[in-house]
Amino acid sequence: MIKVVIAGGTGYTAGELLRLLVHHPKVEVVAVLSRSYTGEDVATIHRDLIGECSLKFSATPPKELYSGGVDLLFLTLGHGVSPKYLQELNPHPSTKIIDLGNDYRLGATYKGERFIYGLPEKNRAEIKEAHYLANPGCFATSILLSLLPLAQNSLIKNEVHIHGITGSTGAGKNLTESTHFSYRHANISLYKPFVHQHIDEIEMQLFSHNGGASLQQSGESSSPELLFVPMRGDFTRGIFTSSYTKIEGTFSLSDMEQLYSSYYSLQPFVHLSKEPISLKEVVNTNRALIYLGKHREYLYITTAIDNLIKGASGQAVENMNLMFGFDQKEGLRLKGTSF
């Protein structure tokens, strides 16, 4: 058993993390930290945990966090908060950290040690040895899973056009005009075209040398441009991305299906579908589904994930399993419902 603390415990990702960890056979959650709900039952905020979790929110970290008695600290804080929070918290050096925010995804360090980018389908070996880990962004996860087999085989030579749509939970729990029911219901809208915050981490993982600066940033050469247009959807959870790029030379769809099947053959949560996919097949699971198609010289890839599980908390548990030598699927054998 490992002992775990969750900091910033009131948001959607924290709630999903708790839902996965309360029944994980090798984890004990010893504290859920929140300054705004100190002393309240965790289940009063995360209502789906009624009868499943008896913990209360605490503003004060447990003493074990400073003595080496806590094995892992999950940070489920707002973007931009983690570095200052860690400086104030200063946990014991033996405590491993998984940050679900975006502060450490581009190679930032903590106490002189770089955070490993936690995409198991690319960095599995590094994750197993990681002490500090940066969980990928939700859109980044879907897009990287779409394009990694091409990038690893040097097949991305031209710009990639990407369209993605996400549910309202992707914007976090705090209510804004664009997450309000009156706005979202029976509506779709565009946001941050071409400048989404996940583009940098996607480029770094696709076109970098060993997780360093991207080729474009380093000036070694120009990497193909990623033209990403994200949208808000009229649903609560899930991400569906559709990408296409021109492939140089002749290729067959069966060749590409074989390339993707080979790349993901040892990855337990990524599956290539022979039929077109939809969100319902992955919601409430840690799975990613990929479907390939061909139009003339273009390959197009559609990918579906649950933004809160494979795109956030489920992937964090997957990374935890790898970091502590557990079965990668432990606590994540979840079946969705397609109706």
Protein backbone atom coordinates (compact mmCIF):
# COMPACT_ATOMS: atom_id res chain seq x y z
CA MET A 1 0.00 0.00 0.00
CA ILE A 2 1.16 3.52 -0.74
CA LYS A 3 -0.05 6.62 1.11
CA VAL A 4 -1.39 9.45 -1.02
CA VAL A 5 -2.31 13.11 -0.44
CA ILE A 6 -4.44 15.14 -2.86
CA ALA A 7 -3.96 18.93 -2.84
CA GLY A 8 -6.66 21.17 -4.29
CA GLY A 9 -9.32 18.59 -3.67
CA THR A 10 -12.59 20.28 -4.70
CA GLY A 11 -12.42 20.42 -8.52
CA TYR A 12 -13.52 17.96 -11.19
CA THR A 13 -10.12 16.30 -11.60
CA ALA A 14 -9.78 15.84 -7.83
CA GLY A 15 -13.25 14.30 -7.67
CA GLU A 16 -12.43 11.85 -10.46
CA LEU A 17 -9.09 11.06 -8.84
CA LEU A 18 -10.82 10.23 -5.57
CA ARG A 19 -13.42 8.11 -7.36
CA LEU A 20 -10.61 6.04 -8.87
CA LEU A 21 -8.41 5.86 -5.76
CA VAL A 22 -10.97 4.99 -3.05
CA HIS A 23 -11.25 1.48 -4.53
CA HIS A 24 -7.65 1.13 -5.72
CA PRO A 25 -6.34 -1.98 -3.91
CA LYS A 26 -2.86 -0.55 -3.33
CA VAL A 27 -3.62 3.04 -2.31
CA GLU A 28 -4.63 4.75 0.93
CA VAL A 29 -5.72 8.36 0.57
CA VAL A 30 -4.63 9.91 3.87
CA ALA A 31 -5.64 13.54 3.24
CA VAL A 32 -7.50 15.78 0.82
CA LEU A 33 -6.31 19.37 1.16
CA SER A 34 -8.56 22.40 0.70
CA ARG A 35 -8.36 25.74 2.48
CA SER A 36 -11.86 26.82 1.48
CA TYR A 37 -13.73 23.71 2.72
CA THR A 38 -11.69 22.80 5.80
CA GLY A 39 -13.49 20.36 8.09
CA GLU A 40 -16.27 19.52 5.64
CA ASP A 41 -16.93 15.99 4.43
CA VAL A 42 -15.37 15.32 1.05
CA ALA A 43 -18.67 13.74 -0.04
CA THR A 44 -20.52 17.04 0.50
CA ILE A 45 -18.62 18.45 -2.48
CA HIS A 46 -18.14 15.25 -4.49
CA ARG A 47 -21.66 13.89 -4.16
CA ASP A 48 -20.92 10.72 -6.11
CA LEU A 49 -18.68 9.66 -3.17
CA ILE A 50 -21.49 9.46 -0.61
CA GLY A 51 -21.02 6.13 1.12
CA GLU A 52 -17.67 5.63 -0.62
CA CYS A 53 -15.41 8.13 1.17
CA SER A 54 -15.37 9.22 4.84
CA LEU A 55 -12.52 11.74 4.57
CA LYS A 56 -12.85 15.41 5.50
CA PHE A 57 -11.10 18.30 3.79
CA SER A 58 -8.10 19.62 5.66
CA ALA A 59 -6.17 22.87 5.36
CA THR A 60 -3.19 21.44 7.21
CA PRO A 61 -1.10 18.73 5.50
CA PRO A 62 -0.56 15.56 7.53
CA LYS A 63 2.71 15.34 9.47
CA GLU A 64 3.71 12.34 7.36
CA LEU A 65 4.13 14.65 4.37
CA TYR A 66 7.17 16.15 6.07
CA SER A 67 8.59 12.98 7.61
CA GLY A 68 8.61 10.81 4.49
CA GLY A 69 5.45 8.91 5.39
CA VAL A 70 3.55 10.07 2.31
CA ASP A 71 4.57 8.28 -0.87
CA LEU A 72 2.80 10.45 -3.44
CA LEU A 73 1.37 13.96 -3.64
CA PHE A 74 -1.18 14.74 -6.36
CA LEU A 75 -1.52 18.42 -7.28
CA THR A 76 -4.97 19.20 -8.70
CA LEU A 77 -4.59 22.96 -8.52
CA GLY A 78 -5.38 25.74 -10.95
CA HIS A 79 -2.92 26.44 -13.74
CA GLY A 80 -0.08 28.66 -12.56
CA VAL A 81 -0.49 27.73 -8.89
CA SER A 82 1.71 24.64 -8.44
CA PRO A 83 5.21 26.22 -8.24
CA LYS A 84 4.29 28.66 -5.48
CA TYR A 85 2.25 26.03 -3.66
CA LEU A 86 5.13 23.54 -3.67
CA GLN A 87 7.50 26.22 -2.43
CA GLU A 88 5.21 26.89 0.52
CA LEU A 89 4.37 23.25 1.17
CA ASN A 90 7.94 21.88 0.84
CA PRO A 91 7.11 18.17 1.16
CA HIS A 92 9.72 15.59 2.17
CA PRO A 93 12.23 14.89 -0.65
CA SER A 94 11.20 11.22 -0.77
CA THR A 95 7.60 12.10 -1.67
CA LYS A 96 6.88 11.68 -5.36
CA ILE A 97 4.72 14.32 -7.09
CA ILE A 98 2.24 14.19 -9.96
CA ASP A 99 1.06 17.62 -11.11
CA LEU A 100 -2.19 17.67 -13.11
CA GLY A 101 -1.79 21.36 -14.00
CA ASN A 102 0.22 22.84 -16.86
CA ASP A 103 3.11 24.39 -14.91
CA TYR A 104 5.69 21.63 -15.42
CA ARG A 105 4.78 20.20 -18.83
CA LEU A 106 7.39 22.15 -20.78
CA GLY A 107 10.42 20.99 -18.82
CA ALA A 108 10.32 23.20 -15.72
CA THR A 109 12.19 21.88 -12.69
CA TYR A 110 11.54 21.56 -8.97
CA LYS A 111 14.55 21.48 -6.62
CA GLY A 112 16.75 21.03 -9.68
CA GLU A 113 14.91 17.98 -11.04
CA ARG A 114 12.91 18.04 -14.26
CA PHE A 115 9.32 16.82 -14.36
CA ILE A 116 8.84 13.88 -16.73
CA TYR A 117 6.02 14.32 -19.23
CA GLY A 118 3.48 11.67 -18.27
CA LEU A 119 2.20 10.21 -21.52
CA PRO A 120 2.65 6.43 -21.05
CA GLU A 121 2.30 5.72 -24.77
CA LYS A 122 5.48 7.73 -25.41
CA ASN A 123 7.48 7.96 -22.18
CA ARG A 124 6.70 4.72 -20.36
CA ALA A 125 10.33 3.92 -19.44
CA GLU A 126 10.99 7.44 -18.11
CA ILE A 127 7.72 7.43 -16.14
CA LYS A 128 8.74 4.25 -14.35
CA GLU A 129 11.84 6.03 -13.03
CA ALA A 130 10.20 9.43 -12.45
CA HIS A 131 10.15 11.20 -9.10
CA TYR A 132 8.31 14.28 -10.38
CA LEU A 133 5.77 13.93 -13.17
CA ALA A 134 3.71 16.39 -15.23
CA ASN A 135 0.38 14.96 -16.36
CA PRO A 136 -0.48 15.92 -19.97
CA GLY A 137 -3.32 18.24 -20.92
CA CYS A 138 -6.58 16.68 -22.09
CA PHE A 139 -6.51 18.01 -25.66
CA ALA A 140 -2.78 17.28 -25.80
CA THR A 141 -3.44 13.65 -24.88
CA SER A 142 -5.99 13.15 -27.63
CA ILE A 143 -3.91 14.92 -30.29
CA LEU A 144 -0.64 13.24 -29.34
CA LEU A 145 -2.24 9.81 -29.44
CA SER A 146 -3.54 10.71 -32.91
CA LEU A 147 -0.15 11.74 -34.29
CA LEU A 148 2.61 9.93 -32.37
CA PRO A 149 2.83 6.89 -34.69
CA LEU A 150 3.32 9.27 -37.63
CA ALA A 151 5.88 11.42 -35.83
CA GLN A 152 7.88 8.45 -34.57
CA ASN A 153 8.14 7.19 -38.15
CA SER A 154 9.05 10.64 -39.59
CA LEU A 155 5.83 10.80 -41.60
CA ILE A 156 4.70 14.30 -40.56
CA LYS A 157 6.19 16.40 -43.34
CA ASN A 158 3.32 18.82 -43.91
CA GLU A 159 1.08 20.96 -41.75
CA VAL A 160 -1.50 19.11 -39.66
CA HIS A 161 -5.07 20.40 -39.47
CA ILE A 162 -6.82 19.51 -36.22
CA HIS A 163 -10.40 20.08 -35.13
CA GLY A 164 -11.38 19.21 -31.57
CA ILE A 165 -14.49 19.50 -29.45
CA THR A 166 -14.64 19.18 -25.67
CA GLY A 167 -17.28 19.01 -22.97
CA SER A 168 -17.97 21.67 -20.36
CA THR A 169 -15.96 19.92 -17.63
CA GLY A 170 -12.80 20.72 -19.60
CA ALA A 171 -13.17 24.34 -18.48
CA GLY A 172 -13.05 23.44 -14.79
CA LYS A 173 -15.59 23.70 -12.00
CA ASN A 174 -15.77 27.48 -11.57
CA LEU A 175 -18.79 28.87 -13.37
CA THR A 176 -18.15 31.21 -16.29
CA GLU A 177 -20.37 32.62 -19.02
CA SER A 178 -19.24 29.96 -21.50
CA THR A 179 -19.85 27.06 -19.07
CA HIS A 180 -23.27 28.26 -17.91
CA PHE A 181 -26.13 25.91 -18.86
CA SER A 182 -27.96 28.70 -20.67
CA TYR A 183 -24.95 29.18 -22.96
CA ARG A 184 -23.91 25.57 -23.47
CA HIS A 185 -27.33 24.01 -24.00
CA ALA A 186 -28.05 23.27 -27.68
CA ASN A 187 -24.96 25.27 -28.61
CA ILE A 188 -21.39 24.92 -29.90
CA SER A 189 -18.76 27.65 -30.05
CA LEU A 190 -15.18 28.26 -31.09
CA TYR A 191 -12.40 29.30 -28.72
CA LYS A 192 -8.65 29.96 -28.90
CA PRO A 193 -8.22 28.97 -32.57
CA PHE A 194 -4.55 28.27 -33.43
CA VAL A 195 -3.30 29.50 -30.01
CA HIS A 196 -4.63 26.91 -27.55
CA GLN A 197 -2.37 26.49 -24.49
CA HIS A 198 -1.74 22.79 -25.23
CA ILE A 199 -0.03 23.45 -28.58
CA ASP A 200 3.41 23.96 -27.01
CA GLU A 201 3.43 20.66 -25.17
CA ILE A 202 2.12 18.82 -28.25
CA GLU A 203 4.89 20.27 -30.44
CA MET A 204 7.52 19.49 -27.84
CA GLN A 205 6.51 15.84 -27.60
CA LEU A 206 6.09 15.35 -31.34
CA PHE A 207 9.14 17.16 -32.62
CA SER A 208 11.66 17.26 -29.77
CA HIS A 209 14.91 15.50 -29.04
CA ASN A 210 14.46 13.46 -25.85
CA GLY A 211 11.89 15.80 -24.33
CA GLY A 212 13.94 18.95 -24.79
CA ALA A 213 13.07 22.09 -26.71
CA SER A 214 11.21 21.57 -29.96
CA LEU A 215 13.14 21.79 -33.20
CA GLN A 216 11.30 24.99 -33.99
CA GLN A 217 12.26 26.52 -30.64
CA SER A 218 15.89 25.39 -30.85
CA GLY A 219 16.33 26.75 -34.37
CA GLU A 220 17.68 23.43 -35.71
CA SER A 221 14.94 23.17 -38.32
CA SER A 222 11.33 24.10 -38.83
CA SER A 223 8.80 21.53 -37.62
CA PRO A 224 5.48 21.14 -39.46
CA GLU A 225 2.80 23.51 -38.24
CA LEU A 226 -0.11 22.29 -36.15
CA LEU A 227 -3.27 24.22 -37.00
CA PHE A 228 -5.62 23.47 -34.13
CA VAL A 229 -9.19 24.76 -33.92
CA PRO A 230 -10.85 23.81 -30.59
CA MET A 231 -14.57 24.03 -29.88
CA ARG A 232 -16.90 23.86 -26.88
CA GLY A 233 -19.61 21.21 -27.10
CA ASP A 234 -23.10 20.73 -25.70
CA PHE A 235 -22.12 17.87 -23.37
CA THR A 236 -20.33 17.53 -20.05
CA ARG A 237 -17.39 15.21 -20.68
CA GLY A 238 -15.32 13.81 -23.50
CA ILE A 239 -12.97 15.03 -26.23
CA PHE A 240 -13.28 14.18 -29.90
CA THR A 241 -10.47 15.27 -32.24
CA SER A 242 -10.24 14.94 -36.00
CA SER A 243 -6.85 15.50 -37.65
CA TYR A 244 -5.55 15.22 -41.18
CA THR A 245 -2.23 15.70 -42.94
CA LYS A 246 -0.75 15.05 -46.37
CA ILE A 247 1.50 11.99 -46.45
CA GLU A 248 4.44 12.15 -48.84
CA GLY A 249 4.66 9.28 -51.33
CA THR A 250 2.16 6.52 -51.87
CA PHE A 251 0.51 4.74 -48.98
CA SER A 252 -2.44 2.47 -48.34
CA LEU A 253 -4.90 2.65 -45.49
CA SER A 254 -3.99 -0.90 -44.47
CA ASP A 255 -0.34 0.17 -44.19
CA MET A 256 -1.30 2.96 -41.81
CA GLU A 257 -3.58 0.71 -39.79
CA GLN A 258 -0.68 -1.71 -39.39
CA LEU A 259 1.64 1.14 -38.35
CA TYR A 260 -0.79 2.33 -35.66
CA SER A 261 -1.59 -1.20 -34.48
CA SER A 262 2.11 -1.95 -34.14
CA TYR A 263 2.84 1.28 -32.27
CA TYR A 264 0.06 0.71 -29.74
CA SER A 265 0.31 -3.09 -29.52
CA LEU A 266 1.69 -2.99 -25.96
CA GLN A 267 -0.45 -0.07 -24.77
CA PRO A 268 -3.45 -1.38 -22.79
CA PHE A 269 -5.70 1.67 -23.12
CA VAL A 270 -5.36 2.65 -26.79
CA HIS A 271 -7.40 0.73 -29.35
CA LEU A 272 -7.67 1.05 -33.13
CA SER A 273 -11.23 0.74 -34.37
CA LYS A 274 -12.19 -0.58 -37.80
CA GLU A 275 -15.45 1.33 -37.62
CA PRO A 276 -16.08 5.08 -37.07
CA ILE A 277 -16.01 6.00 -33.39
CA SER A 278 -18.02 8.23 -31.07
CA LEU A 279 -17.61 9.71 -27.60
CA LYS A 280 -20.03 7.37 -25.84
CA GLU A 281 -17.65 4.45 -26.30
CA VAL A 282 -14.99 6.08 -24.09
CA VAL A 283 -16.85 8.26 -21.57
CA ASN A 284 -16.21 7.11 -17.98
CA THR A 285 -13.25 4.98 -19.09
CA ASN A 286 -9.49 5.39 -19.39
CA ARG A 287 -9.56 4.24 -23.00
CA ALA A 288 -8.63 6.06 -26.19
CA LEU A 289 -10.20 4.96 -29.46
CA ILE A 290 -8.62 5.80 -32.81
CA TYR A 291 -10.10 5.48 -36.30
CA LEU A 292 -8.14 6.04 -39.52
CA GLY A 293 -9.32 7.07 -42.97
CA LYS A 294 -7.73 8.02 -46.29
CA HIS A 295 -8.72 10.66 -48.83
CA ARG A 296 -6.39 10.87 -51.83
CA GLU A 297 -2.94 11.70 -50.38
CA TYR A 298 -4.33 12.67 -46.97
CA LEU A 299 -4.54 10.53 -43.85
CA TYR A 300 -7.17 11.55 -41.33
CA ILE A 301 -7.34 10.37 -37.74
CA THR A 302 -10.25 10.61 -35.33
CA THR A 303 -9.62 10.05 -31.63
CA ALA A 304 -11.98 9.95 -28.66
CA ILE A 305 -11.15 10.08 -24.94
CA ASP A 306 -12.82 11.05 -21.68
CA ASN A 307 -11.22 14.40 -20.81
CA LEU A 308 -11.49 13.80 -17.06
CA ILE A 309 -10.13 10.25 -17.06
CA LYS A 310 -7.71 9.43 -19.88
CA GLY A 311 -7.26 13.19 -20.33
CA ALA A 312 -6.59 13.87 -16.63
CA SER A 313 -7.22 11.78 -13.50
CA GLY A 314 -7.21 8.31 -15.07
CA GLN A 315 -3.94 9.01 -16.79
CA ALA A 316 -2.55 10.29 -13.48
CA VAL A 317 -3.48 6.97 -11.84
CA GLU A 318 -1.97 5.13 -14.80
CA ASN A 319 1.25 7.08 -14.26
CA MET A 320 1.13 6.40 -10.52
CA ASN A 321 0.86 2.68 -11.25
CA LEU A 322 3.95 2.81 -13.46
CA MET A 323 5.93 4.93 -10.98
CA PHE A 324 5.31 2.45 -8.13
CA GLY A 325 5.63 -0.77 -10.11
CA PHE A 326 1.93 -1.69 -10.06
CA ASP A 327 -0.01 -3.19 -12.94
CA GLN A 328 -0.61 -0.30 -15.35
CA LYS A 329 -4.34 -1.13 -15.45
CA GLU A 330 -4.79 -1.36 -11.66
CA GLY A 331 -7.87 0.58 -10.58
CA LEU A 332 -8.67 1.52 -14.17
CA ARG A 333 -10.63 -1.44 -15.48
CA LEU A 334 -13.64 0.70 -16.28
CA LYS A 335 -16.33 -0.09 -18.83
CA GLY A 336 -18.24 2.70 -20.52
CA THR A 337 -21.84 2.58 -21.76
CA SER A 338 -22.67 3.29 -25.39
CA PHE A 339 -26.37 3.98 -24.71
